[in-house]
Amino acid sequence: MKEISLHILDLIENAAEAGARRVSVLVVEDPEKDKLRISVSDDGRGMRPELLKTALDPFTTTRKTRKVGMGLALLAGTAQQAGGKLVVWSELGKGTRVRAEMQLSHLDRAPLGRVADTLASAAVLHPQVDLRFRHRGPTGSYGIAVQRLSGRGDPVAIRGEIRSRVAEGRRRIGSVA
C-alpha cells in the first residue's frame, strides 16, 4: 500500500469484521525522537494464541472467502522498510491492538496519506462502530469522534466535515507526516 492511511483502513475493516464496537486510532509524530507511531486498538473478539503467533504470515487468515491475509504482513513490511517494526497484541474475547513504529524522516517511509478519506469511508461503511481518531504532533494534538459525525447520515457532508477537521488539526499540530 502506498499510504499509511490505507493500512489504517484495513485495520478498521478487520476490527469491524471481528465484531468490534469501538476502534481507537492513534497517530503520533515525534520529530525529536524521529519516530512515527500508528496504533489501532479494538474491542473485537481477539485472536487465539495460536493465530496470534502466525498473524504476520500472509498465508494466515480467518476469512472463508480467500486463503491469504496480506494486511498485517504488508504493514509489517511498510514499517520495516522505514527502519521500524510492527507489534500485535490480542486477547480472545477482549480485542486486538496493532502498533507500527517507523523512522519519521526515513527516505522510504510511506506518507500518512488521506486520513480524512479513510475515516470517512469507515464512518459510512461501519456506522455501528464507535471510531475515535487522535493525532499527536510536534505542537499538540487533535481528535475526532467519527461516529458522532456519521450520525448525520449524508456521506458527502460527513466526508467534508472530516476533511475539514483533519486539515485544520494537522495544520494546528505542525504535522509533517
C-alpha atoms as a PDB file:
ATOM      1  CA  MET A   1       0.000   0.000   0.000  1.00  0.00           C
ATOM      2  CA  LYS A   2       1.320   3.401  -0.905  1.00  0.00           C
ATOM      3  CA  GLU A   3      -0.138   5.281   2.061  1.00  0.00           C
ATOM      4  CA  ILE A   4      -0.254   4.518   5.768  1.00  0.00           C
ATOM      5  CA  SER A   5      -3.901   5.632   5.828  1.00  0.00           C
ATOM      6  CA  LEU A   6      -4.788   2.597   3.680  1.00  0.00           C
ATOM      7  CA  HIS A   7      -3.213   0.328   6.297  1.00  0.00           C
ATOM      8  CA  ILE A   8      -5.320   2.096   8.926  1.00  0.00           C
ATOM      9  CA  LEU A   9      -8.461   1.447   6.855  1.00  0.00           C
ATOM     10  CA  ASP A  10      -7.535  -2.240   6.570  1.00  0.00           C
ATOM     11  CA  LEU A  11      -7.132  -2.473  10.353  1.00  0.00           C
ATOM     12  CA  ILE A  12     -10.504  -0.777  10.917  1.00  0.00           C
ATOM     13  CA  GLU A  13     -12.078  -3.243   8.458  1.00  0.00           C
ATOM     14  CA  ASN A  14     -10.502  -6.167  10.333  1.00  0.00           C
ATOM     15  CA  ALA A  15     -11.821  -4.809  13.618  1.00  0.00           C
ATOM     16  CA  ALA A  16     -15.348  -4.392  12.248  1.00  0.00           C
ATOM     17  CA  GLU A  17     -15.268  -7.954  10.875  1.00  0.00           C
ATOM     18  CA  ALA A  18     -14.165  -9.132  14.332  1.00  0.00           C
ATOM     19  CA  GLY A  19     -17.293  -7.579  15.849  1.00  0.00           C
ATOM     20  CA  ALA A  20     -15.646  -4.529  17.383  1.00  0.00           C
ATOM     21  CA  ARG A  21     -17.990  -1.892  18.758  1.00  0.00           C
ATOM     22  CA  ARG A  22     -15.147   0.539  19.465  1.00  0.00           C
ATOM     23  CA  VAL A  23     -11.973   1.238  17.485  1.00  0.00           C
ATOM     24  CA  SER A  24      -9.321   3.759  18.505  1.00  0.00           C
ATOM     25  CA  VAL A  25      -6.708   5.049  16.065  1.00  0.00           C
ATOM     26  CA  LEU A  26      -3.695   6.963  17.358  1.00  0.00           C
ATOM     27  CA  VAL A  27      -1.071   8.627  15.166  1.00  0.00           C
ATOM     28  CA  VAL A  28       1.959  10.053  16.967  1.00  0.00           C
ATOM     29  CA  GLU A  29       4.605  12.134  15.190  1.00  0.00           C
ATOM     30  CA  ASP A  30       7.681  12.737  17.332  1.00  0.00           C
ATOM     31  CA  PRO A  31      10.325  14.694  15.377  1.00  0.00           C
ATOM     32  CA  GLU A  32      12.628  14.874  18.417  1.00  0.00           C
ATOM     33  CA  LYS A  33      12.879  11.074  18.518  1.00  0.00           C
ATOM     34  CA  ASP A  34      12.430  10.809  14.729  1.00  0.00           C
ATOM     35  CA  LYS A  35       9.505   8.388  15.205  1.00  0.00           C
ATOM     36  CA  LEU A  36       6.100   7.885  13.667  1.00  0.00           C
ATOM     37  CA  ARG A  37       3.802   5.544  15.570  1.00  0.00           C
ATOM     38  CA  ILE A  38       0.435   4.253  14.407  1.00  0.00           C
ATOM     39  CA  SER A  39      -1.742   2.321  16.880  1.00  0.00           C
ATOM     40  CA  VAL A  40      -5.130   0.780  16.197  1.00  0.00           C
ATOM     41  CA  SER A  41      -6.985  -0.843  19.113  1.00  0.00           C
ATOM     42  CA  ASP A  42     -10.353  -2.555  19.126  1.00  0.00           C
ATOM     43  CA  ASP A  43     -12.701  -4.423  21.436  1.00  0.00           C
ATOM     44  CA  GLY A  44     -13.480  -7.179  18.921  1.00  0.00           C
ATOM     45  CA  ARG A  45     -13.303 -10.907  19.517  1.00  0.00           C
ATOM     46  CA  GLY A  46      -9.489 -11.005  19.614  1.00  0.00           C
ATOM     47  CA  MET A  47      -7.251 -13.835  18.447  1.00  0.00           C
ATOM     48  CA  ARG A  48      -6.420 -17.217  19.867  1.00  0.00           C
ATOM     49  CA  PRO A  49      -2.752 -17.506  20.897  1.00  0.00           C
ATOM     50  CA  GLU A  50      -2.072 -19.943  18.018  1.00  0.00           C
ATOM     51  CA  LEU A  51      -3.438 -17.448  15.473  1.00  0.00           C
ATOM     52  CA  LEU A  52      -1.571 -14.541  17.063  1.00  0.00           C
ATOM     53  CA  LYS A  53       1.739 -16.405  16.608  1.00  0.00           C
ATOM     54  CA  THR A  54       1.201 -16.512  12.831  1.00  0.00           C
ATOM     55  CA  ALA A  55      -0.699 -13.221  12.395  1.00  0.00           C
ATOM     56  CA  LEU A  56       2.092 -11.599  10.356  1.00  0.00           C
ATOM     57  CA  ASP A  57       2.247 -14.528   7.925  1.00  0.00           C
ATOM     58  CA  PRO A  58       0.492 -13.529   4.668  1.00  0.00           C
ATOM     59  CA  PHE A  59      -0.994 -17.015   4.410  1.00  0.00           C
ATOM     60  CA  THR A  60      -2.787 -16.685   7.748  1.00  0.00           C
ATOM     61  CA  THR A  61      -6.413 -15.575   7.658  1.00  0.00           C
ATOM     62  CA  THR A  62      -9.702 -16.318   9.367  1.00  0.00           C
ATOM     63  CA  ARG A  63     -11.694 -15.357   6.292  1.00  0.00           C
ATOM     64  CA  LYS A  64     -13.560 -18.043   4.398  1.00  0.00           C
ATOM     65  CA  THR A  65     -13.586 -16.091   1.109  1.00  0.00           C
ATOM     66  CA  ARG A  66      -9.836 -16.310   0.462  1.00  0.00           C
ATOM     67  CA  LYS A  67      -6.775 -18.137   1.720  1.00  0.00           C
ATOM     68  CA  VAL A  68      -4.468 -15.185   2.326  1.00  0.00           C
ATOM     69  CA  GLY A  69      -4.489 -12.252   4.740  1.00  0.00           C
ATOM     70  CA  MET A  70      -1.970  -9.747   3.474  1.00  0.00           C
ATOM     71  CA  GLY A  71      -2.886  -6.714   5.617  1.00  0.00           C
ATOM     72  CA  LEU A  72      -0.669  -7.239   8.667  1.00  0.00           C
ATOM     73  CA  ALA A  73       2.186  -8.628   6.578  1.00  0.00           C
ATOM     74  CA  LEU A  74       2.101  -5.567   4.319  1.00  0.00           C
ATOM     75  CA  LEU A  75       2.006  -3.176   7.271  1.00  0.00           C
ATOM     76  CA  ALA A  76       4.954  -5.009   8.841  1.00  0.00           C
ATOM     77  CA  GLY A  77       6.853  -4.545   5.567  1.00  0.00           C
ATOM     78  CA  THR A  78       5.946  -0.852   5.440  1.00  0.00           C
ATOM     79  CA  ALA A  79       7.267  -0.364   8.981  1.00  0.00           C
ATOM     80  CA  GLN A  80      10.450  -2.375   8.346  1.00  0.00           C
ATOM     81  CA  GLN A  81      11.314  -0.545   5.130  1.00  0.00           C
ATOM     82  CA  ALA A  82      11.304   2.687   7.169  1.00  0.00           C
ATOM     83  CA  GLY A  83      13.529   1.308   9.930  1.00  0.00           C
ATOM     84  CA  GLY A  84      10.700   0.225  12.206  1.00  0.00           C
ATOM     85  CA  LYS A  85       8.634  -2.718  13.366  1.00  0.00           C
ATOM     86  CA  LEU A  86       5.096  -3.960  13.869  1.00  0.00           C
ATOM     87  CA  VAL A  87       3.783  -5.462  17.094  1.00  0.00           C
ATOM     88  CA  VAL A  88       0.399  -7.131  17.587  1.00  0.00           C
ATOM     89  CA  TRP A  89      -1.255  -7.849  20.944  1.00  0.00           C
ATOM     90  CA  SER A  90      -4.519  -9.714  21.171  1.00  0.00           C
ATOM     91  CA  GLU A  91      -6.592 -11.489  23.763  1.00  0.00           C
ATOM     92  CA  LEU A  92      -9.502 -13.715  22.936  1.00  0.00           C
ATOM     93  CA  GLY A  93     -12.748 -12.042  23.926  1.00  0.00           C
ATOM     94  CA  LYS A  94     -11.091  -8.697  24.673  1.00  0.00           C
ATOM     95  CA  GLY A  95      -9.745  -7.320  21.402  1.00  0.00           C
ATOM     96  CA  THR A  96      -6.607  -6.556  19.447  1.00  0.00           C
ATOM     97  CA  ARG A  97      -4.025  -3.790  19.328  1.00  0.00           C
ATOM     98  CA  VAL A  98      -1.646  -3.234  16.438  1.00  0.00           C
ATOM     99  CA  ARG A  99       1.267  -0.806  16.699  1.00  0.00           C
ATOM    100  CA  ALA A 100       3.559   0.160  13.834  1.00  0.00           C
ATOM    101  CA  GLU A 101       6.613   2.293  14.538  1.00  0.00           C
ATOM    102  CA  MET A 102       8.963   3.742  11.955  1.00  0.00           C
ATOM    103  CA  GLN A 103      11.557   6.431  11.438  1.00  0.00           C
ATOM    104  CA  LEU A 104       9.698   9.668  10.696  1.00  0.00           C
ATOM    105  CA  SER A 105      12.395  11.090   8.418  1.00  0.00           C
ATOM    106  CA  HIS A 106      13.265   7.831   6.655  1.00  0.00           C
ATOM    107  CA  LEU A 107      13.525   8.246   2.893  1.00  0.00           C
ATOM    108  CA  ASP A 108      11.433   5.109   2.309  1.00  0.00           C
ATOM    109  CA  ARG A 109       8.676   5.913   4.816  1.00  0.00           C
ATOM    110  CA  ALA A 110       5.267   5.899   3.181  1.00  0.00           C
ATOM    111  CA  PRO A 111       3.303   9.149   3.572  1.00  0.00           C
ATOM    112  CA  LEU A 112       0.491   9.246   6.100  1.00  0.00           C
ATOM    113  CA  GLY A 113      -1.836   9.870   3.169  1.00  0.00           C
ATOM    114  CA  ARG A 114      -5.521  10.656   3.022  1.00  0.00           C
ATOM    115  CA  VAL A 115      -6.533  10.041   6.630  1.00  0.00           C
ATOM    116  CA  ALA A 116      -9.737  12.032   6.196  1.00  0.00           C
ATOM    117  CA  ASP A 117     -10.900   9.754   3.371  1.00  0.00           C
ATOM    118  CA  THR A 118     -10.025   6.683   5.445  1.00  0.00           C
ATOM    119  CA  LEU A 119     -12.077   7.937   8.388  1.00  0.00           C
ATOM    120  CA  ALA A 120     -14.996   8.983   6.169  1.00  0.00           C
ATOM    121  CA  SER A 121     -15.048   5.589   4.440  1.00  0.00           C
ATOM    122  CA  ALA A 122     -15.010   3.790   7.773  1.00  0.00           C
ATOM    123  CA  ALA A 123     -17.809   6.028   9.086  1.00  0.00           C
ATOM    124  CA  VAL A 124     -20.045   5.257   6.118  1.00  0.00           C
ATOM    125  CA  LEU A 125     -19.223   1.536   5.914  1.00  0.00           C
ATOM    126  CA  HIS A 126     -19.388   0.859   9.668  1.00  0.00           C
ATOM    127  CA  PRO A 127     -21.730   3.358  11.356  1.00  0.00           C
ATOM    128  CA  GLN A 128     -22.193   0.893  14.240  1.00  0.00           C
ATOM    129  CA  VAL A 129     -18.508   1.231  15.214  1.00  0.00           C
ATOM    130  CA  ASP A 130     -17.529   3.954  17.674  1.00  0.00           C
ATOM    131  CA  LEU A 131     -14.416   5.138  15.828  1.00  0.00           C
ATOM    132  CA  ARG A 132     -12.108   7.501  17.689  1.00  0.00           C
ATOM    133  CA  PHE A 133      -9.141   9.156  15.987  1.00  0.00           C
ATOM    134  CA  ARG A 134      -6.342  11.066  17.725  1.00  0.00           C
ATOM    135  CA  HIS A 135      -3.272  12.625  16.117  1.00  0.00           C
ATOM    136  CA  ARG A 136      -0.384  13.968  18.201  1.00  0.00           C
ATOM    137  CA  GLY A 137       2.231  16.130  16.556  1.00  0.00           C
ATOM    138  CA  PRO A 138       5.089  18.468  17.371  1.00  0.00           C
ATOM    139  CA  THR A 139       2.858  21.234  18.756  1.00  0.00           C
ATOM    140  CA  GLY A 140      -0.169  19.452  20.204  1.00  0.00           C
ATOM    141  CA  SER A 141      -2.935  17.036  19.326  1.00  0.00           C
ATOM    142  CA  TYR A 142      -6.450  16.852  17.979  1.00  0.00           C
ATOM    143  CA  GLY A 143      -9.129  14.198  17.950  1.00  0.00           C
ATOM    144  CA  ILE A 144     -12.279  13.255  16.103  1.00  0.00           C
ATOM    145  CA  ALA A 145     -15.179  11.143  17.387  1.00  0.00           C
ATOM    146  CA  VAL A 146     -16.123   9.840  13.948  1.00  0.00           C
ATOM    147  CA  GLN A 147     -19.369   8.103  14.936  1.00  0.00           C
ATOM    148  CA  ARG A 148     -20.865  11.393  16.110  1.00  0.00           C
ATOM    149  CA  LEU A 149     -20.351  12.801  12.623  1.00  0.00           C
ATOM    150  CA  SER A 150     -21.620   9.678  10.851  1.00  0.00           C
ATOM    151  CA  GLY A 151     -24.954  10.029  12.649  1.00  0.00           C
ATOM    152  CA  ARG A 152     -25.707  12.940  10.346  1.00  0.00           C
ATOM    153  CA  GLY A 153     -26.345  10.492   7.512  1.00  0.00           C
ATOM    154  CA  ASP A 154     -25.138  12.290   4.386  1.00  0.00           C
ATOM    155  CA  PRO A 155     -21.838  10.656   3.278  1.00  0.00           C
ATOM    156  CA  VAL A 156     -20.729  13.742   1.328  1.00  0.00           C
ATOM    157  CA  ALA A 157     -21.304  16.004   4.331  1.00  0.00           C
ATOM    158  CA  ILE A 158     -19.528  13.531   6.628  1.00  0.00           C
ATOM    159  CA  ARG A 159     -16.523  13.391   4.316  1.00  0.00           C
ATOM    160  CA  GLY A 160     -16.391  17.188   4.055  1.00  0.00           C
ATOM    161  CA  GLU A 161     -16.584  17.659   7.819  1.00  0.00           C
ATOM    162  CA  ILE A 162     -13.884  15.061   8.486  1.00  0.00           C
ATOM    163  CA  ARG A 163     -11.627  16.527   5.783  1.00  0.00           C
ATOM    164  CA  SER A 164     -12.008  19.980   7.300  1.00  0.00           C
ATOM    165  CA  ARG A 165     -11.244  18.755  10.828  1.00  0.00           C
ATOM    166  CA  VAL A 166      -8.225  16.711   9.751  1.00  0.00           C
ATOM    167  CA  ALA A 167      -6.770  19.557   7.652  1.00  0.00           C
ATOM    168  CA  GLU A 168      -7.216  22.075  10.473  1.00  0.00           C
ATOM    169  CA  GLY A 169      -5.903  19.620  13.071  1.00  0.00           C
ATOM    170  CA  ARG A 170      -2.802  18.719  11.069  1.00  0.00           C
ATOM    171  CA  ARG A 171      -2.054  22.394  10.475  1.00  0.00           C
ATOM    172  CA  ARG A 172      -2.526  23.228  14.156  1.00  0.00           C
ATOM    173  CA  ILE A 173      -0.214  20.459  15.413  1.00  0.00           C
ATOM    174  CA  GLY A 174       2.516  21.065  12.829  1.00  0.00           C
ATOM    175  CA  SER A 175       2.124  17.642  11.195  1.00  0.00           C
ATOM    176  CA  VAL A 176       4.954  16.626   8.876  1.00  0.00           C
ATOM    177  CA  ALA A 177       3.877  13.015   8.175  1.00  0.00           C
END
